[in-house]
Amino acid sequence: MVAASTTKKAIIRRFDKEPLAGYLNPAGYQETWGVELLSAHGNVSKVPYEDIKSISFVREFDTRA
């Protein structure tokens, strides 16, 4: 589980799917299978590397671009 005090805002852009916005722990977000993203609603998504196009650390959650 991602600790809230050490997280950074991030947007995960995925192949053929909508982007995901949430919080990543930049010190330990990379696992062998993918990344864990904590949404603003408190849900944890486990995203495998093969689904990820890019990960961007951001100031605002603007997923339109």
PDB file of N, CA and C in Angstrom:
ATOM      1  N   MET A   1       0.837  -1.174   0.000  1.00  0.00           N
ATOM      2  CA  MET A   1       0.000   0.000   0.000  1.00  0.00           C
ATOM      3  C   MET A   1       0.886   1.243   0.000  1.00  0.00           C
ATOM      4  N   VAL A   2       0.485   2.278  -0.703  1.00  0.00           N
ATOM      5  CA  VAL A   2       1.239   3.510  -0.841  1.00  0.00           C
ATOM      6  C   VAL A   2       0.937   4.424   0.336  1.00  0.00           C
ATOM      7  N   ALA A   3       1.961   4.919   1.000  1.00  0.00           N
ATOM      8  CA  ALA A   3       1.773   5.836   2.128  1.00  0.00           C
ATOM      9  C   ALA A   3       1.521   7.247   1.615  1.00  0.00           C
ATOM     10  N   ALA A   4       0.507   7.911   2.128  1.00  0.00           N
ATOM     11  CA  ALA A   4       0.097   9.221   1.628  1.00  0.00           C
ATOM     12  C   ALA A   4       1.149  10.299   1.828  1.00  0.00           C
ATOM     13  N   SER A   5       1.940  10.229   2.890  1.00  0.00           N
ATOM     14  CA  SER A   5       2.892  11.290   3.194  1.00  0.00           C
ATOM     15  C   SER A   5       4.095  11.304   2.260  1.00  0.00           C
ATOM     16  N   THR A   6       4.348  10.244   1.532  1.00  0.00           N
ATOM     17  CA  THR A   6       5.507  10.164   0.655  1.00  0.00           C
ATOM     18  C   THR A   6       5.131  10.108  -0.812  1.00  0.00           C
ATOM     19  N   THR A   7       3.904  10.402  -1.151  1.00  0.00           N
ATOM     20  CA  THR A   7       3.452  10.248  -2.520  1.00  0.00           C
ATOM     21  C   THR A   7       3.537  11.547  -3.313  1.00  0.00           C
ATOM     22  N   LYS A   8       3.598  11.389  -4.644  1.00  0.00           N
ATOM     23  CA  LYS A   8       3.619  12.511  -5.575  1.00  0.00           C
ATOM     24  C   LYS A   8       2.483  12.335  -6.565  1.00  0.00           C
ATOM     25  N   LYS A   9       1.914  13.449  -7.031  1.00  0.00           N
ATOM     26  CA  LYS A   9       0.867  13.393  -8.045  1.00  0.00           C
ATOM     27  C   LYS A   9       1.462  12.863  -9.341  1.00  0.00           C
ATOM     28  N   ALA A  10       0.726  11.961  -9.982  1.00  0.00           N
ATOM     29  CA  ALA A  10       1.204  11.367 -11.233  1.00  0.00           C
ATOM     30  C   ALA A  10       0.029  11.020 -12.136  1.00  0.00           C
ATOM     31  N   ILE A  11       0.313  10.979 -13.427  1.00  0.00           N
ATOM     32  CA  ILE A  11      -0.647  10.512 -14.418  1.00  0.00           C
ATOM     33  C   ILE A  11       0.000   9.361 -15.168  1.00  0.00           C
ATOM     34  N   ILE A  12      -0.704   8.234 -15.222  1.00  0.00           N
ATOM     35  CA  ILE A  12      -0.244   7.078 -15.985  1.00  0.00           C
ATOM     36  C   ILE A  12      -1.042   7.042 -17.282  1.00  0.00           C
ATOM     37  N   ARG A  13      -0.352   7.174 -18.393  1.00  0.00           N
ATOM     38  CA  ARG A  13      -0.999   7.049 -19.702  1.00  0.00           C
ATOM     39  C   ARG A  13      -0.814   5.610 -20.150  1.00  0.00           C
ATOM     40  N   ARG A  14      -1.942   5.006 -20.576  1.00  0.00           N
ATOM     41  CA  ARG A  14      -1.936   3.589 -20.943  1.00  0.00           C
ATOM     42  C   ARG A  14      -2.260   3.419 -22.419  1.00  0.00           C
ATOM     43  N   PHE A  15      -1.798   2.315 -22.987  1.00  0.00           N
ATOM     44  CA  PHE A  15      -2.116   1.977 -24.366  1.00  0.00           C
ATOM     45  C   PHE A  15      -3.595   1.622 -24.454  1.00  0.00           C
ATOM     46  N   ASP A  16      -4.318   2.245 -25.360  1.00  0.00           N
ATOM     47  CA  ASP A  16      -5.716   1.926 -25.671  1.00  0.00           C
ATOM     48  C   ASP A  16      -6.680   2.037 -24.495  1.00  0.00           C
ATOM     49  N   LYS A  17      -6.332   2.818 -23.467  1.00  0.00           N
ATOM     50  CA  LYS A  17      -7.221   3.010 -22.319  1.00  0.00           C
ATOM     51  C   LYS A  17      -7.128   4.447 -21.854  1.00  0.00           C
ATOM     52  N   GLU A  18      -8.076   4.848 -21.013  1.00  0.00           N
ATOM     53  CA  GLU A  18      -8.065   6.186 -20.433  1.00  0.00           C
ATOM     54  C   GLU A  18      -6.867   6.322 -19.481  1.00  0.00           C
ATOM     55  N   PRO A  19      -6.320   7.549 -19.357  1.00  0.00           N
ATOM     56  CA  PRO A  19      -5.240   7.763 -18.392  1.00  0.00           C
ATOM     57  C   PRO A  19      -5.751   7.643 -16.959  1.00  0.00           C
ATOM     58  N   LEU A  20      -4.848   7.315 -16.061  1.00  0.00           N
ATOM     59  CA  LEU A  20      -5.160   7.220 -14.639  1.00  0.00           C
ATOM     60  C   LEU A  20      -4.419   8.331 -13.903  1.00  0.00           C
ATOM     61  N   ALA A  21      -5.108   9.040 -13.027  1.00  0.00           N
ATOM     62  CA  ALA A  21      -4.492  10.082 -12.212  1.00  0.00           C
ATOM     63  C   ALA A  21      -4.545   9.651 -10.757  1.00  0.00           C
ATOM     64  N   GLY A  22      -3.450   9.896 -10.049  1.00  0.00           N
ATOM     65  CA  GLY A  22      -3.412   9.527  -8.642  1.00  0.00           C
ATOM     66  C   GLY A  22      -2.053   9.817  -8.036  1.00  0.00           C
ATOM     67  N   TYR A  23      -1.707   9.053  -7.035  1.00  0.00           N
ATOM     68  CA  TYR A  23      -0.497   9.289  -6.270  1.00  0.00           C
ATOM     69  C   TYR A  23       0.410   8.065  -6.308  1.00  0.00           C
ATOM     70  N   LEU A  24       1.713   8.317  -6.574  1.00  0.00           N
ATOM     71  CA  LEU A  24       2.734   7.270  -6.577  1.00  0.00           C
ATOM     72  C   LEU A  24       3.784   7.609  -5.534  1.00  0.00           C
ATOM     73  N   ASN A  25       4.421   6.589  -4.997  1.00  0.00           N
ATOM     74  CA  ASN A  25       5.572   6.780  -4.128  1.00  0.00           C
ATOM     75  C   ASN A  25       6.804   6.760  -5.033  1.00  0.00           C
ATOM     76  N   PRO A  26       7.473   7.899  -5.271  1.00  0.00           N
ATOM     77  CA  PRO A  26       8.589   7.936  -6.210  1.00  0.00           C
ATOM     78  C   PRO A  26       9.810   7.140  -5.754  1.00  0.00           C
ATOM     79  N   ALA A  27       9.935   6.878  -4.468  1.00  0.00           N
ATOM     80  CA  ALA A  27      11.078   6.122  -3.965  1.00  0.00           C
ATOM     81  C   ALA A  27      10.913   4.619  -4.156  1.00  0.00           C
ATOM     82  N   GLY A  28       9.692   4.143  -4.263  1.00  0.00           N
ATOM     83  CA  GLY A  28       9.515   2.697  -4.352  1.00  0.00           C
ATOM     84  C   GLY A  28       8.318   2.276  -5.164  1.00  0.00           C
ATOM     85  N   TYR A  29       7.929   3.070  -6.149  1.00  0.00           N
ATOM     86  CA  TYR A  29       6.730   2.723  -6.916  1.00  0.00           C
ATOM     87  C   TYR A  29       6.960   1.603  -7.912  1.00  0.00           C
ATOM     88  N   GLN A  30       8.202   1.333  -8.271  1.00  0.00           N
ATOM     89  CA  GLN A  30       8.470   0.296  -9.263  1.00  0.00           C
ATOM     90  C   GLN A  30       8.612  -1.074  -8.607  1.00  0.00           C
ATOM     91  N   GLU A  31       7.756  -1.958  -8.985  1.00  0.00           N
ATOM     92  CA  GLU A  31       7.831  -3.350  -8.570  1.00  0.00           C
ATOM     93  C   GLU A  31       8.250  -4.155  -9.801  1.00  0.00           C
ATOM     94  N   THR A  32       8.431  -5.432  -9.646  1.00  0.00           N
ATOM     95  CA  THR A  32       8.836  -6.257 -10.794  1.00  0.00           C
ATOM     96  C   THR A  32       7.706  -6.437 -11.788  1.00  0.00           C
ATOM     97  N   TRP A  33       6.466  -6.287 -11.371  1.00  0.00           N
ATOM     98  CA  TRP A  33       5.295  -6.508 -12.222  1.00  0.00           C
ATOM     99  C   TRP A  33       4.700  -5.217 -12.773  1.00  0.00           C
ATOM    100  N   GLY A  34       4.917  -4.056 -12.093  1.00  0.00           N
ATOM    101  CA  GLY A  34       4.305  -2.800 -12.512  1.00  0.00           C
ATOM    102  C   GLY A  34       4.306  -1.789 -11.391  1.00  0.00           C
ATOM    103  N   VAL A  35       3.272  -0.932 -11.351  1.00  0.00           N
ATOM    104  CA  VAL A  35       3.198   0.130 -10.340  1.00  0.00           C
ATOM    105  C   VAL A  35       1.844   0.125  -9.638  1.00  0.00           C
ATOM    106  N   GLU A  36       1.837   0.672  -8.420  1.00  0.00           N
ATOM    107  CA  GLU A  36       0.598   0.882  -7.667  1.00  0.00           C
ATOM    108  C   GLU A  36       0.281   2.367  -7.674  1.00  0.00           C
ATOM    109  N   LEU A  37      -0.951   2.692  -7.999  1.00  0.00           N
ATOM    110  CA  LEU A  37      -1.411   4.073  -8.036  1.00  0.00           C
ATOM    111  C   LEU A  37      -2.573   4.228  -7.077  1.00  0.00           C
ATOM    112  N   LEU A  38      -2.482   5.199  -6.175  1.00  0.00           N
ATOM    113  CA  LEU A  38      -3.550   5.495  -5.218  1.00  0.00           C
ATOM    114  C   LEU A  38      -4.377   6.636  -5.786  1.00  0.00           C
ATOM    115  N   SER A  39      -5.670   6.402  -6.027  1.00  0.00           N
ATOM    116  CA  SER A  39      -6.540   7.440  -6.596  1.00  0.00           C
ATOM    117  C   SER A  39      -6.918   8.455  -5.529  1.00  0.00           C
ATOM    118  N   ALA A  40      -7.477   9.572  -5.970  1.00  0.00           N
ATOM    119  CA  ALA A  40      -7.938  10.612  -5.041  1.00  0.00           C
ATOM    120  C   ALA A  40      -9.077  10.100  -4.155  1.00  0.00           C
ATOM    121  N   HIS A  41      -9.751   9.037  -4.591  1.00  0.00           N
ATOM    122  CA  HIS A  41     -10.854   8.445  -3.829  1.00  0.00           C
ATOM    123  C   HIS A  41     -10.385   7.339  -2.886  1.00  0.00           C
ATOM    124  N   GLY A  42      -9.082   7.065  -2.868  1.00  0.00           N
ATOM    125  CA  GLY A  42      -8.535   6.069  -1.966  1.00  0.00           C
ATOM    126  C   GLY A  42      -8.459   4.664  -2.527  1.00  0.00           C
ATOM    127  N   ASN A  43      -8.730   4.491  -3.825  1.00  0.00           N
ATOM    128  CA  ASN A  43      -8.639   3.175  -4.454  1.00  0.00           C
ATOM    129  C   ASN A  43      -7.232   2.934  -4.971  1.00  0.00           C
ATOM    130  N   VAL A  44      -6.728   1.729  -4.793  1.00  0.00           N
ATOM    131  CA  VAL A  44      -5.404   1.365  -5.292  1.00  0.00           C
ATOM    132  C   VAL A  44      -5.564   0.577  -6.581  1.00  0.00           C
ATOM    133  N   SER A  45      -4.879   1.052  -7.633  1.00  0.00           N
ATOM    134  CA  SER A  45      -4.861   0.336  -8.908  1.00  0.00           C
ATOM    135  C   SER A  45      -3.474  -0.237  -9.122  1.00  0.00           C
ATOM    136  N   LYS A  46      -3.416  -1.493  -9.497  1.00  0.00           N
ATOM    137  CA  LYS A  46      -2.153  -2.131  -9.834  1.00  0.00           C
ATOM    138  C   LYS A  46      -2.086  -2.189 -11.353  1.00  0.00           C
ATOM    139  N   VAL A  47      -1.126  -1.465 -11.931  1.00  0.00           N
ATOM    140  CA  VAL A  47      -1.016  -1.339 -13.378  1.00  0.00           C
ATOM    141  C   VAL A  47       0.241  -2.060 -13.849  1.00  0.00           C
ATOM    142  N   PRO A  48       0.086  -3.125 -14.650  1.00  0.00           N
ATOM    143  CA  PRO A  48       1.260  -3.849 -15.144  1.00  0.00           C
ATOM    144  C   PRO A  48       2.026  -3.020 -16.179  1.00  0.00           C
ATOM    145  N   TYR A  49       3.346  -3.240 -16.253  1.00  0.00           N
ATOM    146  CA  TYR A  49       4.192  -2.488 -17.173  1.00  0.00           C
ATOM    147  C   TYR A  49       3.728  -2.578 -18.619  1.00  0.00           C
ATOM    148  N   GLU A  50       3.223  -3.714 -19.045  1.00  0.00           N
ATOM    149  CA  GLU A  50       2.823  -3.868 -20.451  1.00  0.00           C
ATOM    150  C   GLU A  50       1.641  -2.991 -20.837  1.00  0.00           C
ATOM    151  N   ASP A  51       0.908  -2.432 -19.851  1.00  0.00           N
ATOM    152  CA  ASP A  51      -0.208  -1.521 -20.112  1.00  0.00           C
ATOM    153  C   ASP A  51       0.211  -0.052 -20.107  1.00  0.00           C
ATOM    154  N   ILE A  52       1.428   0.237 -19.638  1.00  0.00           N
ATOM    155  CA  ILE A  52       1.855   1.624 -19.420  1.00  0.00           C
ATOM    156  C   ILE A  52       2.593   2.176 -20.630  1.00  0.00           C
ATOM    157  N   LYS A  53       2.095   3.322 -21.110  1.00  0.00           N
ATOM    158  CA  LYS A  53       2.764   4.065 -22.179  1.00  0.00           C
ATOM    159  C   LYS A  53       3.749   5.064 -21.566  1.00  0.00           C
ATOM    160  N   SER A  54       3.312   5.792 -20.520  1.00  0.00           N
ATOM    161  CA  SER A  54       4.194   6.741 -19.836  1.00  0.00           C
ATOM    162  C   SER A  54       3.674   7.019 -18.426  1.00  0.00           C
ATOM    163  N   ILE A  55       4.600   7.451 -17.573  1.00  0.00           N
ATOM    164  CA  ILE A  55       4.265   7.919 -16.224  1.00  0.00           C
ATOM    165  C   ILE A  55       4.836   9.318 -16.102  1.00  0.00           C
ATOM    166  N   SER A  56       3.980  10.277 -15.744  1.00  0.00           N
ATOM    167  CA  SER A  56       4.409  11.664 -15.593  1.00  0.00           C
ATOM    168  C   SER A  56       4.080  12.147 -14.188  1.00  0.00           C
ATOM    169  N   PHE A  57       5.079  12.704 -13.513  1.00  0.00           N
ATOM    170  CA  PHE A  57       4.832  13.357 -12.234  1.00  0.00           C
ATOM    171  C   PHE A  57       4.376  14.774 -12.555  1.00  0.00           C
ATOM    172  N   VAL A  58       3.260  15.204 -11.960  1.00  0.00           N
ATOM    173  CA  VAL A  58       2.603  16.451 -12.351  1.00  0.00           C
ATOM    174  C   VAL A  58       2.277  17.322 -11.145  1.00  0.00           C
ATOM    175  N   ARG A  59       1.968  18.590 -11.430  1.00  0.00           N
ATOM    176  CA  ARG A  59       1.494  19.504 -10.391  1.00  0.00           C
ATOM    177  C   ARG A  59      -0.014  19.446 -10.274  1.00  0.00           C
ATOM    178  N   GLU A  60      -0.686  19.266 -11.399  1.00  0.00           N
ATOM    179  CA  GLU A  60      -2.158  19.216 -11.468  1.00  0.00           C
ATOM    180  C   GLU A  60      -2.593  17.962 -12.195  1.00  0.00           C
ATOM    181  N   PHE A  61      -3.786  17.462 -11.874  1.00  0.00           N
ATOM    182  CA  PHE A  61      -4.325  16.285 -12.539  1.00  0.00           C
ATOM    183  C   PHE A  61      -5.103  16.682 -13.791  1.00  0.00           C
ATOM    184  N   ASP A  62      -4.417  17.115 -14.839  1.00  0.00           N
ATOM    185  CA  ASP A  62      -5.036  17.442 -16.110  1.00  0.00           C
ATOM    186  C   ASP A  62      -4.724  16.313 -17.084  1.00  0.00           C
ATOM    187  N   THR A  63      -5.691  15.451 -17.354  1.00  0.00           N
ATOM    188  CA  THR A  63      -5.461  14.272 -18.203  1.00  0.00           C
ATOM    189  C   THR A  63      -5.904  14.494 -19.644  1.00  0.00           C
ATOM    190  N   ARG A  64      -6.242  15.733 -20.017  1.00  0.00           N
ATOM    191  CA  ARG A  64      -6.728  15.992 -21.372  1.00  0.00           C
ATOM    192  C   ARG A  64      -5.644  15.892 -22.441  1.00  0.00           C
ATOM    193  N   ALA A  65      -4.406  16.200 -22.117  1.00  0.00           N
ATOM    194  CA  ALA A  65      -3.329  16.229 -23.116  1.00  0.00           C
ATOM    195  C   ALA A  65      -2.882  14.838 -23.508  1.00  0.00           C
TER     196      ALA A  65
END
